[in-house]
């Protein structure tokens, strides 16, 4: 059985509320729409580009999360 040693960093991460994840959705929508609007003028192309950008950012964040999760599991 794995025993964990309490460290200040680990305690800080546990104190963060999961409701902060609710900021992710409006933030990703805003970033994706602005990024798409700087590339195109047609609304359909803006929305398509925004969806692609949102998927890319979400995928990147998921990969980083998975790497950190595996690293935490290994330590």
C-alpha atoms as a PDB file:
ATOM      1  CA  UNK A   1       0.000   0.000   0.000  1.00  0.00           C
ATOM      2  CA  UNK A   2       1.364   3.372  -0.955  1.00  0.00           C
ATOM      3  CA  UNK A   3       1.830   5.945   1.756  1.00  0.00           C
ATOM      4  CA  UNK A   4       1.867   9.568   0.756  1.00  0.00           C
ATOM      5  CA  UNK A   5       3.979  12.200   2.379  1.00  0.00           C
ATOM      6  CA  UNK A   6       2.155  15.501   2.776  1.00  0.00           C
ATOM      7  CA  UNK A   7       4.059  18.305   1.125  1.00  0.00           C
ATOM      8  CA  UNK A   8       3.078  21.973   0.857  1.00  0.00           C
ATOM      9  CA  UNK A   9       2.673  21.711  -2.923  1.00  0.00           C
ATOM     10  CA  UNK A  10       0.432  18.654  -2.661  1.00  0.00           C
ATOM     11  CA  UNK A  11      -1.724  20.303  -0.002  1.00  0.00           C
ATOM     12  CA  UNK A  12      -2.070  23.415  -2.159  1.00  0.00           C
ATOM     13  CA  UNK A  13      -3.289  21.370  -5.121  1.00  0.00           C
ATOM     14  CA  UNK A  14      -5.919  19.710  -2.974  1.00  0.00           C
ATOM     15  CA  UNK A  15      -7.199  23.053  -1.721  1.00  0.00           C
ATOM     16  CA  UNK A  16      -8.142  24.247  -5.207  1.00  0.00           C
ATOM     17  CA  UNK A  17     -11.865  23.941  -5.774  1.00  0.00           C
ATOM     18  CA  UNK A  18     -13.079  21.922  -8.790  1.00  0.00           C
ATOM     19  CA  UNK A  19     -15.406  24.814  -9.634  1.00  0.00           C
ATOM     20  CA  UNK A  20     -12.382  26.529 -11.184  1.00  0.00           C
ATOM     21  CA  UNK A  21     -12.851  24.099 -14.062  1.00  0.00           C
ATOM     22  CA  UNK A  22     -16.044  26.003 -14.893  1.00  0.00           C
ATOM     23  CA  UNK A  23     -13.841  28.864 -16.075  1.00  0.00           C
ATOM     24  CA  UNK A  24     -12.460  26.590 -18.783  1.00  0.00           C
ATOM     25  CA  UNK A  25     -15.529  26.583 -21.013  1.00  0.00           C
ATOM     26  CA  UNK A  26     -16.040  30.353 -21.489  1.00  0.00           C
ATOM     27  CA  UNK A  27     -12.291  30.870 -21.700  1.00  0.00           C
ATOM     28  CA  UNK A  28     -11.805  28.270 -24.439  1.00  0.00           C
ATOM     29  CA  UNK A  29     -14.804  29.633 -26.366  1.00  0.00           C
ATOM     30  CA  UNK A  30     -13.483  33.193 -26.202  1.00  0.00           C
ATOM     31  CA  UNK A  31      -9.939  32.240 -27.188  1.00  0.00           C
ATOM     32  CA  UNK A  32     -11.094  30.034 -30.059  1.00  0.00           C
ATOM     33  CA  UNK A  33     -13.530  32.600 -31.471  1.00  0.00           C
ATOM     34  CA  UNK A  34     -11.023  35.434 -31.325  1.00  0.00           C
ATOM     35  CA  UNK A  35      -8.333  33.286 -32.895  1.00  0.00           C
ATOM     36  CA  UNK A  36     -10.721  32.156 -35.646  1.00  0.00           C
ATOM     37  CA  UNK A  37     -11.962  35.703 -36.274  1.00  0.00           C
ATOM     38  CA  UNK A  38      -8.416  36.958 -36.780  1.00  0.00           C
ATOM     39  CA  UNK A  39      -7.963  34.427 -39.575  1.00  0.00           C
ATOM     40  CA  UNK A  40     -11.292  34.596 -41.433  1.00  0.00           C
ATOM     41  CA  UNK A  41     -14.185  36.958 -42.093  1.00  0.00           C
ATOM     42  CA  UNK A  42     -16.863  34.410 -43.040  1.00  0.00           C
ATOM     43  CA  UNK A  43     -18.881  33.241 -40.003  1.00  0.00           C
ATOM     44  CA  UNK A  44     -18.874  29.587 -41.089  1.00  0.00           C
ATOM     45  CA  UNK A  45     -15.096  29.577 -41.434  1.00  0.00           C
ATOM     46  CA  UNK A  46     -14.716  31.350 -38.088  1.00  0.00           C
ATOM     47  CA  UNK A  47     -16.860  28.745 -36.331  1.00  0.00           C
ATOM     48  CA  UNK A  48     -15.090  25.857 -38.061  1.00  0.00           C
ATOM     49  CA  UNK A  49     -11.689  27.277 -37.162  1.00  0.00           C
ATOM     50  CA  UNK A  50     -12.849  27.959 -33.587  1.00  0.00           C
ATOM     51  CA  UNK A  51     -14.035  24.360 -33.174  1.00  0.00           C
ATOM     52  CA  UNK A  52     -10.710  23.071 -34.510  1.00  0.00           C
ATOM     53  CA  UNK A  53      -8.767  25.361 -32.161  1.00  0.00           C
ATOM     54  CA  UNK A  54     -10.892  24.338 -29.159  1.00  0.00           C
ATOM     55  CA  UNK A  55     -10.284  20.653 -29.916  1.00  0.00           C
ATOM     56  CA  UNK A  56      -6.553  21.282 -30.301  1.00  0.00           C
ATOM     57  CA  UNK A  57      -6.252  23.179 -27.010  1.00  0.00           C
ATOM     58  CA  UNK A  58      -8.406  20.638 -25.144  1.00  0.00           C
ATOM     59  CA  UNK A  59      -6.359  17.754 -26.538  1.00  0.00           C
ATOM     60  CA  UNK A  60      -3.113  19.435 -25.577  1.00  0.00           C
ATOM     61  CA  UNK A  61      -4.383  20.076 -22.047  1.00  0.00           C
ATOM     62  CA  UNK A  62      -5.584  16.458 -21.769  1.00  0.00           C
ATOM     63  CA  UNK A  63      -2.157  15.158 -22.803  1.00  0.00           C
ATOM     64  CA  UNK A  64      -0.415  17.397 -20.262  1.00  0.00           C
ATOM     65  CA  UNK A  65      -2.877  16.229 -17.597  1.00  0.00           C
ATOM     66  CA  UNK A  66      -2.238  12.575 -18.478  1.00  0.00           C
ATOM     67  CA  UNK A  67       1.536  13.046 -18.332  1.00  0.00           C
ATOM     68  CA  UNK A  68       1.297  14.754 -14.942  1.00  0.00           C
ATOM     69  CA  UNK A  69      -1.055  12.056 -13.682  1.00  0.00           C
ATOM     70  CA  UNK A  70       1.349   9.289 -14.751  1.00  0.00           C
ATOM     71  CA  UNK A  71       4.279  11.141 -13.211  1.00  0.00           C
ATOM     72  CA  UNK A  72       2.359  11.491  -9.949  1.00  0.00           C
ATOM     73  CA  UNK A  73       1.459   7.814 -10.019  1.00  0.00           C
ATOM     74  CA  UNK A  74       5.109   6.834 -10.570  1.00  0.00           C
ATOM     75  CA  UNK A  75       6.410   8.909  -7.668  1.00  0.00           C
END
